[in-house]
PDB file of N, CA and C in Angstrom:
ATOM      1  N   UNK A   1     -26.753  24.441  28.289  1.00  0.00           N
ATOM      2  CA  UNK A   1     -25.547  23.822  27.800  1.00  0.00           C
ATOM      3  C   UNK A   1     -24.769  24.867  27.002  1.00  0.00           C
ATOM      4  N   UNK A   2     -23.462  24.866  27.188  1.00  0.00           N
ATOM      5  CA  UNK A   2     -22.631  25.820  26.485  1.00  0.00           C
ATOM      6  C   UNK A   2     -21.560  25.057  25.708  1.00  0.00           C
ATOM      7  N   UNK A   3     -21.398  25.418  24.429  1.00  0.00           N
ATOM      8  CA  UNK A   3     -20.409  24.783  23.563  1.00  0.00           C
ATOM      9  C   UNK A   3     -19.314  25.805  23.289  1.00  0.00           C
ATOM     10  N   UNK A   4     -18.084  25.420  23.610  1.00  0.00           N
ATOM     11  CA  UNK A   4     -16.929  26.290  23.402  1.00  0.00           C
ATOM     12  C   UNK A   4     -16.143  25.777  22.207  1.00  0.00           C
ATOM     13  N   UNK A   5     -15.814  26.681  21.285  1.00  0.00           N
ATOM     14  CA  UNK A   5     -15.052  26.281  20.110  1.00  0.00           C
ATOM     15  C   UNK A   5     -15.061  27.377  19.076  1.00  0.00           C
ATOM     16  N   UNK A   6     -14.880  26.982  17.816  1.00  0.00           N
ATOM     17  CA  UNK A   6     -14.966  27.939  16.712  1.00  0.00           C
ATOM     18  C   UNK A   6     -15.909  27.359  15.656  1.00  0.00           C
ATOM     19  N   UNK A   7     -16.627  28.254  14.990  1.00  0.00           N
ATOM     20  CA  UNK A   7     -17.692  27.848  14.076  1.00  0.00           C
ATOM     21  C   UNK A   7     -17.216  26.968  12.922  1.00  0.00           C
ATOM     22  N   UNK A   8     -16.005  27.198  12.428  1.00  0.00           N
ATOM     23  CA  UNK A   8     -15.564  26.468  11.246  1.00  0.00           C
ATOM     24  C   UNK A   8     -14.782  25.196  11.564  1.00  0.00           C
ATOM     25  N   UNK A   9     -14.726  24.800  12.831  1.00  0.00           N
ATOM     26  CA  UNK A   9     -14.051  23.569  13.243  1.00  0.00           C
ATOM     27  C   UNK A   9     -14.968  22.377  12.954  1.00  0.00           C
ATOM     28  N   UNK A  10     -14.456  21.346  12.294  1.00  0.00           N
ATOM     29  CA  UNK A  10     -15.271  20.189  11.934  1.00  0.00           C
ATOM     30  C   UNK A  10     -15.896  19.510  13.149  1.00  0.00           C
ATOM     31  N   UNK A  11     -15.135  19.358  14.233  1.00  0.00           N
ATOM     32  CA  UNK A  11     -15.667  18.705  15.431  1.00  0.00           C
ATOM     33  C   UNK A  11     -16.779  19.533  16.061  1.00  0.00           C
ATOM     34  N   UNK A  12     -16.624  20.845  16.050  1.00  0.00           N
ATOM     35  CA  UNK A  12     -17.668  21.731  16.587  1.00  0.00           C
ATOM     36  C   UNK A  12     -18.916  21.622  15.709  1.00  0.00           C
ATOM     37  N   UNK A  13     -18.726  21.598  14.399  1.00  0.00           N
ATOM     38  CA  UNK A  13     -19.870  21.462  13.489  1.00  0.00           C
ATOM     39  C   UNK A  13     -20.636  20.170  13.759  1.00  0.00           C
ATOM     40  N   UNK A  14     -19.894  19.073  13.988  1.00  0.00           N
ATOM     41  CA  UNK A  14     -20.549  17.784  14.285  1.00  0.00           C
ATOM     42  C   UNK A  14     -21.333  17.860  15.589  1.00  0.00           C
ATOM     43  N   UNK A  15     -20.744  18.485  16.599  1.00  0.00           N
ATOM     44  CA  UNK A  15     -21.426  18.614  17.892  1.00  0.00           C
ATOM     45  C   UNK A  15     -22.704  19.442  17.747  1.00  0.00           C
ATOM     46  N   UNK A  16     -22.601  20.571  17.056  1.00  0.00           N
ATOM     47  CA  UNK A  16     -23.776  21.432  16.882  1.00  0.00           C
ATOM     48  C   UNK A  16     -24.858  20.722  16.078  1.00  0.00           C
ATOM     49  N   UNK A  17     -24.459  19.963  15.059  1.00  0.00           N
ATOM     50  CA  UNK A  17     -25.428  19.206  14.262  1.00  0.00           C
ATOM     51  C   UNK A  17     -26.130  18.158  15.145  1.00  0.00           C
ATOM     52  N   UNK A  18     -25.381  17.516  16.023  1.00  0.00           N
ATOM     53  CA  UNK A  18     -25.959  16.543  16.950  1.00  0.00           C
ATOM     54  C   UNK A  18     -27.012  17.213  17.831  1.00  0.00           C
ATOM     55  N   UNK A  19     -26.663  18.364  18.394  1.00  0.00           N
ATOM     56  CA  UNK A  19     -27.601  19.063  19.282  1.00  0.00           C
ATOM     57  C   UNK A  19     -28.843  19.513  18.527  1.00  0.00           C
ATOM     58  N   UNK A  20     -28.667  20.012  17.304  1.00  0.00           N
ATOM     59  CA  UNK A  20     -29.819  20.446  16.504  1.00  0.00           C
ATOM     60  C   UNK A  20     -30.709  19.260  16.161  1.00  0.00           C
ATOM     61  N   UNK A  21     -30.100  18.151  15.740  1.00  0.00           N
ATOM     62  CA  UNK A  21     -30.854  16.951  15.363  1.00  0.00           C
ATOM     63  C   UNK A  21     -31.718  16.462  16.519  1.00  0.00           C
ATOM     64  N   UNK A  22     -31.224  16.591  17.742  1.00  0.00           N
ATOM     65  CA  UNK A  22     -31.946  16.095  18.907  1.00  0.00           C
ATOM     66  C   UNK A  22     -32.672  17.204  19.682  1.00  0.00           C
ATOM     67  N   UNK A  23     -32.809  18.361  19.042  1.00  0.00           N
ATOM     68  CA  UNK A  23     -33.533  19.491  19.633  1.00  0.00           C
ATOM     69  C   UNK A  23     -33.017  19.864  21.019  1.00  0.00           C
ATOM     70  N   UNK A  24     -31.701  19.878  21.177  1.00  0.00           N
ATOM     71  CA  UNK A  24     -31.087  20.270  22.446  1.00  0.00           C
ATOM     72  C   UNK A  24     -30.618  21.715  22.329  1.00  0.00           C
ATOM     73  N   UNK A  25     -31.009  22.515  23.295  1.00  0.00           N
ATOM     74  CA  UNK A  25     -30.633  23.933  23.280  1.00  0.00           C
ATOM     75  C   UNK A  25     -29.190  24.090  23.740  1.00  0.00           C
ATOM     76  N   UNK A  26     -28.478  24.975  23.058  1.00  0.00           N
ATOM     77  CA  UNK A  26     -27.087  25.248  23.408  1.00  0.00           C
ATOM     78  C   UNK A  26     -26.763  26.702  23.098  1.00  0.00           C
ATOM     79  N   UNK A  27     -25.675  27.152  23.681  1.00  0.00           N
ATOM     80  CA  UNK A  27     -25.142  28.483  23.402  1.00  0.00           C
ATOM     81  C   UNK A  27     -23.705  28.276  22.952  1.00  0.00           C
ATOM     82  N   UNK A  28     -23.308  28.943  21.861  1.00  0.00           N
ATOM     83  CA  UNK A  28     -21.939  28.806  21.349  1.00  0.00           C
ATOM     84  C   UNK A  28     -21.066  29.942  21.860  1.00  0.00           C
ATOM     85  N   UNK A  29     -19.939  29.577  22.442  1.00  0.00           N
ATOM     86  CA  UNK A  29     -18.916  30.528  22.867  1.00  0.00           C
ATOM     87  C   UNK A  29     -17.793  30.378  21.849  1.00  0.00           C
ATOM     88  N   UNK A  30     -17.593  31.419  21.024  1.00  0.00           N
ATOM     89  CA  UNK A  30     -16.623  31.353  19.924  1.00  0.00           C
ATOM     90  C   UNK A  30     -15.268  31.902  20.362  1.00  0.00           C
ATOM     91  N   UNK A  31     -14.251  31.025  20.342  1.00  0.00           N
ATOM     92  CA  UNK A  31     -12.902  31.417  20.751  1.00  0.00           C
ATOM     93  C   UNK A  31     -12.326  32.542  19.884  1.00  0.00           C
ATOM     94  N   UNK A  32     -12.825  32.700  18.662  1.00  0.00           N
ATOM     95  CA  UNK A  32     -12.286  33.743  17.782  1.00  0.00           C
ATOM     96  C   UNK A  32     -12.844  35.124  18.117  1.00  0.00           C
ATOM     97  N   UNK A  33     -14.019  35.169  18.757  1.00  0.00           N
ATOM     98  CA  UNK A  33     -14.632  36.465  19.036  1.00  0.00           C
ATOM     99  C   UNK A  33     -14.770  36.762  20.522  1.00  0.00           C
ATOM    100  N   UNK A  34     -14.561  35.740  21.361  1.00  0.00           N
ATOM    101  CA  UNK A  34     -14.690  35.922  22.799  1.00  0.00           C
ATOM    102  C   UNK A  34     -13.453  35.362  23.490  1.00  0.00           C
ATOM    103  N   UNK A  35     -13.067  35.982  24.595  1.00  0.00           N
ATOM    104  CA  UNK A  35     -11.901  35.521  25.332  1.00  0.00           C
ATOM    105  C   UNK A  35     -12.334  34.728  26.555  1.00  0.00           C
ATOM    106  N   UNK A  36     -11.747  33.561  26.701  1.00  0.00           N
ATOM    107  CA  UNK A  36     -12.054  32.675  27.813  1.00  0.00           C
ATOM    108  C   UNK A  36     -11.175  33.032  29.004  1.00  0.00           C
ATOM    109  N   UNK A  37     -11.750  33.035  30.193  1.00  0.00           N
ATOM    110  CA  UNK A  37     -10.985  33.399  31.388  1.00  0.00           C
ATOM    111  C   UNK A  37     -10.039  32.275  31.800  1.00  0.00           C
ATOM    112  N   UNK A  38      -8.930  32.651  32.408  1.00  0.00           N
ATOM    113  CA  UNK A  38      -7.972  31.671  32.925  1.00  0.00           C
ATOM    114  C   UNK A  38      -8.615  30.847  34.040  1.00  0.00           C
ATOM    115  N   UNK A  39      -9.528  31.444  34.790  1.00  0.00           N
ATOM    116  CA  UNK A  39     -10.224  30.716  35.852  1.00  0.00           C
ATOM    117  C   UNK A  39     -11.031  29.557  35.270  1.00  0.00           C
ATOM    118  N   UNK A  40     -11.703  29.799  34.153  1.00  0.00           N
ATOM    119  CA  UNK A  40     -12.494  28.750  33.491  1.00  0.00           C
ATOM    120  C   UNK A  40     -11.558  27.629  33.021  1.00  0.00           C
ATOM    121  N   UNK A  41     -10.446  27.993  32.417  1.00  0.00           N
ATOM    122  CA  UNK A  41      -9.479  27.002  31.943  1.00  0.00           C
ATOM    123  C   UNK A  41      -8.932  26.192  33.120  1.00  0.00           C
ATOM    124  N   UNK A  42      -8.617  26.870  34.207  1.00  0.00           N
ATOM    125  CA  UNK A  42      -8.107  26.193  35.398  1.00  0.00           C
ATOM    126  C   UNK A  42      -9.135  25.178  35.923  1.00  0.00           C
ATOM    127  N   UNK A  43     -10.394  25.577  35.924  1.00  0.00           N
ATOM    128  CA  UNK A  43     -11.469  24.686  36.361  1.00  0.00           C
ATOM    129  C   UNK A  43     -11.551  23.454  35.457  1.00  0.00           C
ATOM    130  N   UNK A  44     -11.446  23.664  34.151  1.00  0.00           N
ATOM    131  CA  UNK A  44     -11.490  22.548  33.202  1.00  0.00           C
ATOM    132  C   UNK A  44     -10.312  21.605  33.413  1.00  0.00           C
ATOM    133  N   UNK A  45      -9.125  22.178  33.632  1.00  0.00           N
ATOM    134  CA  UNK A  45      -7.925  21.357  33.856  1.00  0.00           C
ATOM    135  C   UNK A  45      -8.134  20.469  35.086  1.00  0.00           C
ATOM    136  N   UNK A  46      -8.723  21.029  36.132  1.00  0.00           N
ATOM    137  CA  UNK A  46      -8.994  20.241  37.336  1.00  0.00           C
ATOM    138  C   UNK A  46      -9.961  19.091  37.044  1.00  0.00           C
ATOM    139  N   UNK A  47     -10.907  19.307  36.131  1.00  0.00           N
ATOM    140  CA  UNK A  47     -11.918  18.295  35.827  1.00  0.00           C
ATOM    141  C   UNK A  47     -11.433  17.214  34.867  1.00  0.00           C
ATOM    142  N   UNK A  48     -10.697  17.608  33.829  1.00  0.00           N
ATOM    143  CA  UNK A  48     -10.340  16.622  32.787  1.00  0.00           C
ATOM    144  C   UNK A  48      -8.843  16.454  32.567  1.00  0.00           C
ATOM    145  N   UNK A  49      -8.029  17.329  33.140  1.00  0.00           N
ATOM    146  CA  UNK A  49      -6.584  17.221  32.956  1.00  0.00           C
ATOM    147  C   UNK A  49      -6.085  18.020  31.758  1.00  0.00           C
ATOM    148  N   UNK A  50      -4.855  18.449  31.848  1.00  0.00           N
ATOM    149  CA  UNK A  50      -4.260  19.306  30.812  1.00  0.00           C
ATOM    150  C   UNK A  50      -4.096  18.545  29.493  1.00  0.00           C
ATOM    151  N   UNK A  51      -3.768  17.259  29.561  1.00  0.00           N
ATOM    152  CA  UNK A  51      -3.541  16.481  28.330  1.00  0.00           C
ATOM    153  C   UNK A  51      -4.807  16.391  27.485  1.00  0.00           C
ATOM    154  N   UNK A  52      -5.945  16.359  28.125  1.00  0.00           N
ATOM    155  CA  UNK A  52      -7.221  16.305  27.406  1.00  0.00           C
ATOM    156  C   UNK A  52      -7.523  17.637  26.740  1.00  0.00           C
ATOM    157  N   UNK A  53      -7.097  18.738  27.361  1.00  0.00           N
ATOM    158  CA  UNK A  53      -7.461  20.070  26.855  1.00  0.00           C
ATOM    159  C   UNK A  53      -6.544  20.610  25.772  1.00  0.00           C
ATOM    160  N   UNK A  54      -5.261  20.289  25.818  1.00  0.00           N
ATOM    161  CA  UNK A  54      -4.326  20.867  24.853  1.00  0.00           C
ATOM    162  C   UNK A  54      -4.442  20.136  23.524  1.00  0.00           C
ATOM    163  N   UNK A  55      -4.695  20.893  22.468  1.00  0.00           N
ATOM    164  CA  UNK A  55      -4.812  20.322  21.133  1.00  0.00           C
ATOM    165  C   UNK A  55      -3.443  20.337  20.457  1.00  0.00           C
ATOM    166  N   UNK A  56      -2.705  19.248  20.652  1.00  0.00           N
ATOM    167  CA  UNK A  56      -1.342  19.167  20.101  1.00  0.00           C
ATOM    168  C   UNK A  56      -1.346  18.951  18.591  1.00  0.00           C
ATOM    169  N   UNK A  57      -2.510  18.700  18.014  1.00  0.00           N
ATOM    170  CA  UNK A  57      -2.599  18.510  16.564  1.00  0.00           C
ATOM    171  C   UNK A  57      -3.016  19.785  15.832  1.00  0.00           C
ATOM    172  N   UNK A  58      -3.224  20.867  16.570  1.00  0.00           N
ATOM    173  CA  UNK A  58      -3.718  22.096  15.943  1.00  0.00           C
ATOM    174  C   UNK A  58      -2.622  22.837  15.183  1.00  0.00           C
ATOM    175  N   UNK A  59      -3.057  23.606  14.217  1.00  0.00           N
ATOM    176  CA  UNK A  59      -2.146  24.461  13.464  1.00  0.00           C
ATOM    177  C   UNK A  59      -1.483  25.467  14.394  1.00  0.00           C
ATOM    178  N   UNK A  60      -2.252  26.009  15.328  1.00  0.00           N
ATOM    179  CA  UNK A  60      -1.715  26.989  16.280  1.00  0.00           C
ATOM    180  C   UNK A  60      -0.578  26.374  17.086  1.00  0.00           C
ATOM    181  N   UNK A  61      -0.761  25.153  17.561  1.00  0.00           N
ATOM    182  CA  UNK A  61       0.261  24.454  18.347  1.00  0.00           C
ATOM    183  C   UNK A  61       1.546  24.299  17.525  1.00  0.00           C
ATOM    184  N   UNK A  62       1.382  23.883  16.284  1.00  0.00           N
ATOM    185  CA  UNK A  62       2.550  23.703  15.401  1.00  0.00           C
ATOM    186  C   UNK A  62       3.213  25.040  15.075  1.00  0.00           C
ATOM    187  N   UNK A  63       2.411  26.056  14.745  1.00  0.00           N
ATOM    188  CA  UNK A  63       2.973  27.365  14.383  1.00  0.00           C
ATOM    189  C   UNK A  63       3.742  28.005  15.530  1.00  0.00           C
ATOM    190  N   UNK A  64       3.280  27.788  16.754  1.00  0.00           N
ATOM    191  CA  UNK A  64       3.962  28.347  17.927  1.00  0.00           C
ATOM    192  C   UNK A  64       5.160  27.490  18.360  1.00  0.00           C
ATOM    193  N   UNK A  65       5.323  26.341  17.683  1.00  0.00           N
ATOM    194  CA  UNK A  65       6.431  25.423  17.979  1.00  0.00           C
ATOM    195  C   UNK A  65       6.475  25.021  19.458  1.00  0.00           C
ATOM    196  N   UNK A  66       5.302  24.751  20.015  1.00  0.00           N
ATOM    197  CA  UNK A  66       5.216  24.433  21.436  1.00  0.00           C
ATOM    198  C   UNK A  66       5.801  23.062  21.762  1.00  0.00           C
ATOM    199  N   UNK A  67       5.774  22.141  20.808  1.00  0.00           N
ATOM    200  CA  UNK A  67       6.339  20.812  21.069  1.00  0.00           C
ATOM    201  C   UNK A  67       7.830  20.929  21.404  1.00  0.00           C
ATOM    202  N   UNK A  68       8.525  21.795  20.681  1.00  0.00           N
ATOM    203  CA  UNK A  68       9.964  21.969  20.889  1.00  0.00           C
ATOM    204  C   UNK A  68      10.282  22.576  22.254  1.00  0.00           C
ATOM    205  N   UNK A  69       9.315  23.294  22.837  1.00  0.00           N
ATOM    206  CA  UNK A  69       9.552  23.949  24.131  1.00  0.00           C
ATOM    207  C   UNK A  69       9.467  22.979  25.301  1.00  0.00           C
ATOM    208  N   UNK A  70       8.915  21.765  25.065  1.00  0.00           N
ATOM    209  CA  UNK A  70       8.815  20.746  26.111  1.00  0.00           C
ATOM    210  C   UNK A  70       8.217  21.327  27.402  1.00  0.00           C
ATOM    211  N   UNK A  71       7.028  21.901  27.284  1.00  0.00           N
ATOM    212  CA  UNK A  71       6.371  22.608  28.386  1.00  0.00           C
ATOM    213  C   UNK A  71       5.876  21.660  29.463  1.00  0.00           C
ATOM    214  N   UNK A  72       5.964  22.104  30.720  1.00  0.00           N
ATOM    215  CA  UNK A  72       5.344  21.335  31.800  1.00  0.00           C
ATOM    216  C   UNK A  72       3.849  21.692  31.839  1.00  0.00           C
ATOM    217  N   UNK A  73       3.100  21.037  32.723  1.00  0.00           N
ATOM    218  CA  UNK A  73       1.643  21.240  32.737  1.00  0.00           C
ATOM    219  C   UNK A  73       1.253  22.672  33.071  1.00  0.00           C
ATOM    220  N   UNK A  74       1.967  23.305  33.986  1.00  0.00           N
ATOM    221  CA  UNK A  74       1.659  24.693  34.347  1.00  0.00           C
ATOM    222  C   UNK A  74       1.896  25.622  33.153  1.00  0.00           C
ATOM    223  N   UNK A  75       2.985  25.407  32.440  1.00  0.00           N
ATOM    224  CA  UNK A  75       3.284  26.231  31.260  1.00  0.00           C
ATOM    225  C   UNK A  75       2.247  25.999  30.160  1.00  0.00           C
ATOM    226  N   UNK A  76       1.813  24.752  29.999  1.00  0.00           N
ATOM    227  CA  UNK A  76       0.777  24.467  29.004  1.00  0.00           C
ATOM    228  C   UNK A  76      -0.510  25.208  29.351  1.00  0.00           C
ATOM    229  N   UNK A  77      -0.859  25.209  30.626  1.00  0.00           N
ATOM    230  CA  UNK A  77      -2.069  25.916  31.056  1.00  0.00           C
ATOM    231  C   UNK A  77      -1.934  27.411  30.807  1.00  0.00           C
ATOM    232  N   UNK A  78      -0.768  27.973  31.038  1.00  0.00           N
ATOM    233  CA  UNK A  78      -0.541  29.401  30.775  1.00  0.00           C
ATOM    234  C   UNK A  78      -0.727  29.690  29.284  1.00  0.00           C
ATOM    235  N   UNK A  79      -0.263  28.792  28.417  1.00  0.00           N
ATOM    236  CA  UNK A  79      -0.451  28.975  26.980  1.00  0.00           C
ATOM    237  C   UNK A  79      -1.924  28.910  26.607  1.00  0.00           C
ATOM    238  N   UNK A  80      -2.689  28.021  27.238  1.00  0.00           N
ATOM    239  CA  UNK A  80      -4.124  27.947  26.951  1.00  0.00           C
ATOM    240  C   UNK A  80      -4.803  29.276  27.286  1.00  0.00           C
ATOM    241  N   UNK A  81      -4.350  29.918  28.355  1.00  0.00           N
ATOM    242  CA  UNK A  81      -4.910  31.217  28.742  1.00  0.00           C
ATOM    243  C   UNK A  81      -4.575  32.287  27.703  1.00  0.00           C
ATOM    244  N   UNK A  82      -3.351  32.249  27.203  1.00  0.00           N
ATOM    245  CA  UNK A  82      -2.907  33.257  26.227  1.00  0.00           C
ATOM    246  C   UNK A  82      -3.492  33.009  24.852  1.00  0.00           C
ATOM    247  N   UNK A  83      -3.678  31.753  24.507  1.00  0.00           N
ATOM    248  CA  UNK A  83      -4.071  31.381  23.152  1.00  0.00           C
ATOM    249  C   UNK A  83      -5.176  30.323  23.211  1.00  0.00           C
ATOM    250  N   UNK A  84      -6.425  30.798  23.293  1.00  0.00           N
ATOM    251  CA  UNK A  84      -7.567  29.887  23.437  1.00  0.00           C
ATOM    252  C   UNK A  84      -7.697  28.890  22.291  1.00  0.00           C
ATOM    253  N   UNK A  85      -7.148  29.205  21.120  1.00  0.00           N
ATOM    254  CA  UNK A  85      -7.247  28.286  19.987  1.00  0.00           C
ATOM    255  C   UNK A  85      -6.427  27.015  20.196  1.00  0.00           C
ATOM    256  N   UNK A  86      -5.644  26.955  21.264  1.00  0.00           N
ATOM    257  CA  UNK A  86      -4.898  25.741  21.599  1.00  0.00           C
ATOM    258  C   UNK A  86      -5.778  24.708  22.319  1.00  0.00           C
ATOM    259  N   UNK A  87      -6.994  25.103  22.696  1.00  0.00           N
ATOM    260  CA  UNK A  87      -7.898  24.210  23.418  1.00  0.00           C
ATOM    261  C   UNK A  87      -8.561  23.262  22.425  1.00  0.00           C
ATOM    262  N   UNK A  88      -8.525  21.966  22.758  1.00  0.00           N
ATOM    263  CA  UNK A  88      -9.183  20.959  21.928  1.00  0.00           C
ATOM    264  C   UNK A  88     -10.674  21.267  21.894  1.00  0.00           C
ATOM    265  N   UNK A  89     -11.279  21.121  20.723  1.00  0.00           N
ATOM    266  CA  UNK A  89     -12.665  21.515  20.539  1.00  0.00           C
ATOM    267  C   UNK A  89     -13.527  20.336  20.101  1.00  0.00           C
ATOM    268  N   UNK A  90     -14.825  20.467  20.384  1.00  0.00           N
ATOM    269  CA  UNK A  90     -15.458  21.440  21.254  1.00  0.00           C
ATOM    270  C   UNK A  90     -15.312  21.041  22.728  1.00  0.00           C
ATOM    271  N   UNK A  91     -15.504  22.027  23.581  1.00  0.00           N
ATOM    272  CA  UNK A  91     -15.671  21.755  25.006  1.00  0.00           C
ATOM    273  C   UNK A  91     -17.143  22.021  25.288  1.00  0.00           C
ATOM    274  N   UNK A  92     -17.850  21.022  25.780  1.00  0.00           N
ATOM    275  CA  UNK A  92     -19.275  21.160  26.070  1.00  0.00           C
ATOM    276  C   UNK A  92     -19.448  21.155  27.585  1.00  0.00           C
ATOM    277  N   UNK A  93     -19.993  22.245  28.106  1.00  0.00           N
ATOM    278  CA  UNK A  93     -20.248  22.365  29.543  1.00  0.00           C
ATOM    279  C   UNK A  93     -21.746  22.222  29.778  1.00  0.00           C
ATOM    280  N   UNK A  94     -22.094  21.308  30.663  1.00  0.00           N
ATOM    281  CA  UNK A  94     -23.502  21.108  31.018  1.00  0.00           C
ATOM    282  C   UNK A  94     -23.557  20.698  32.477  1.00  0.00           C
ATOM    283  N   UNK A  95     -24.466  21.298  33.209  1.00  0.00           N
ATOM    284  CA  UNK A  95     -24.545  21.143  34.660  1.00  0.00           C
ATOM    285  C   UNK A  95     -23.152  21.466  35.214  1.00  0.00           C
ATOM    286  N   UNK A  96     -22.524  20.573  35.910  1.00  0.00           N
ATOM    287  CA  UNK A  96     -21.164  20.820  36.407  1.00  0.00           C
ATOM    288  C   UNK A  96     -20.132  19.977  35.660  1.00  0.00           C
ATOM    289  N   UNK A  97     -20.531  19.397  34.530  1.00  0.00           N
ATOM    290  CA  UNK A  97     -19.666  18.494  33.770  1.00  0.00           C
ATOM    291  C   UNK A  97     -19.130  19.155  32.514  1.00  0.00           C
ATOM    292  N   UNK A  98     -18.037  18.586  31.991  1.00  0.00           N
ATOM    293  CA  UNK A  98     -17.571  19.006  30.672  1.00  0.00           C
ATOM    294  C   UNK A  98     -17.158  17.771  29.877  1.00  0.00           C
ATOM    295  N   UNK A  99     -17.355  17.876  28.578  1.00  0.00           N
ATOM    296  CA  UNK A  99     -16.893  16.860  27.632  1.00  0.00           C
ATOM    297  C   UNK A  99     -16.020  17.593  26.620  1.00  0.00           C
ATOM    298  N   UNK A 100     -14.856  17.013  26.324  1.00  0.00           N
ATOM    299  CA  UNK A 100     -13.929  17.617  25.369  1.00  0.00           C
ATOM    300  C   UNK A 100     -13.894  16.747  24.122  1.00  0.00           C
ATOM    301  N   UNK A 101     -14.074  17.390  22.965  1.00  0.00           N
ATOM    302  CA  UNK A 101     -14.069  16.674  21.696  1.00  0.00           C
ATOM    303  C   UNK A 101     -15.454  16.180  21.336  1.00  0.00           C
ATOM    304  N   UNK A 102     -15.572  15.613  20.144  1.00  0.00           N
ATOM    305  CA  UNK A 102     -16.859  15.066  19.704  1.00  0.00           C
ATOM    306  C   UNK A 102     -16.754  13.560  19.579  1.00  0.00           C
ATOM    307  N   UNK A 103     -17.641  12.860  20.284  1.00  0.00           N
ATOM    308  CA  UNK A 103     -17.767  11.415  20.183  1.00  0.00           C
ATOM    309  C   UNK A 103     -19.264  11.130  20.272  1.00  0.00           C
ATOM    310  N   UNK A 104     -19.838  10.695  19.162  1.00  0.00           N
ATOM    311  CA  UNK A 104     -21.296  10.556  19.103  1.00  0.00           C
ATOM    312  C   UNK A 104     -21.846   9.625  20.186  1.00  0.00           C
ATOM    313  N   UNK A 105     -21.172   8.505  20.433  1.00  0.00           N
ATOM    314  CA  UNK A 105     -21.654   7.576  21.465  1.00  0.00           C
ATOM    315  C   UNK A 105     -21.651   8.233  22.841  1.00  0.00           C
ATOM    316  N   UNK A 106     -20.592   8.962  23.135  1.00  0.00           N
ATOM    317  CA  UNK A 106     -20.512   9.656  24.426  1.00  0.00           C
ATOM    318  C   UNK A 106     -21.608  10.717  24.522  1.00  0.00           C
ATOM    319  N   UNK A 107     -21.851  11.433  23.432  1.00  0.00           N
ATOM    320  CA  UNK A 107     -22.903  12.446  23.425  1.00  0.00           C
ATOM    321  C   UNK A 107     -24.268  11.800  23.661  1.00  0.00           C
ATOM    322  N   UNK A 108     -24.513  10.658  23.011  1.00  0.00           N
ATOM    323  CA  UNK A 108     -25.795   9.977  23.202  1.00  0.00           C
ATOM    324  C   UNK A 108     -25.979   9.562  24.655  1.00  0.00           C
ATOM    325  N   UNK A 109     -24.924   9.034  25.278  1.00  0.00           N
ATOM    326  CA  UNK A 109     -25.008   8.632  26.694  1.00  0.00           C
ATOM    327  C   UNK A 109     -25.217   9.843  27.599  1.00  0.00           C
ATOM    328  N   UNK A 110     -24.594  10.952  27.270  1.00  0.00           N
ATOM    329  CA  UNK A 110     -24.627  12.123  28.149  1.00  0.00           C
ATOM    330  C   UNK A 110     -25.854  12.994  27.970  1.00  0.00           C
ATOM    331  N   UNK A 111     -26.349  13.111  26.746  1.00  0.00           N
ATOM    332  CA  UNK A 111     -27.375  14.120  26.466  1.00  0.00           C
ATOM    333  C   UNK A 111     -28.751  13.573  26.095  1.00  0.00           C
ATOM    334  N   UNK A 112     -28.860  12.278  25.793  1.00  0.00           N
ATOM    335  CA  UNK A 112     -30.157  11.744  25.366  1.00  0.00           C
ATOM    336  C   UNK A 112     -30.802  10.897  26.465  1.00  0.00           C
TER     337      UNK A 112
END
């Protein structure tokens, strides 16, 4: 299982705590120290949709003033490639599935 996010994000911390509590092995991919490929982002968009992946509540989104640009889905995906911190966190990849965000009930159904 691979967890994508940043260490100091509250949702990522909750996800990691869940995995530790239930003795589930994971690997953390840190957006601040590693660059995510556009191919991976494209694959995620196909699986969950662009609206699920773009974090419109993030500081990065607000600082870049992306709301004012009224981007279409292709442009939003291009921004995710350029600025990985725009991706809603965490993204948990396991087998061929992904889950975006932290929801304890969903995690229990998926991982326990």
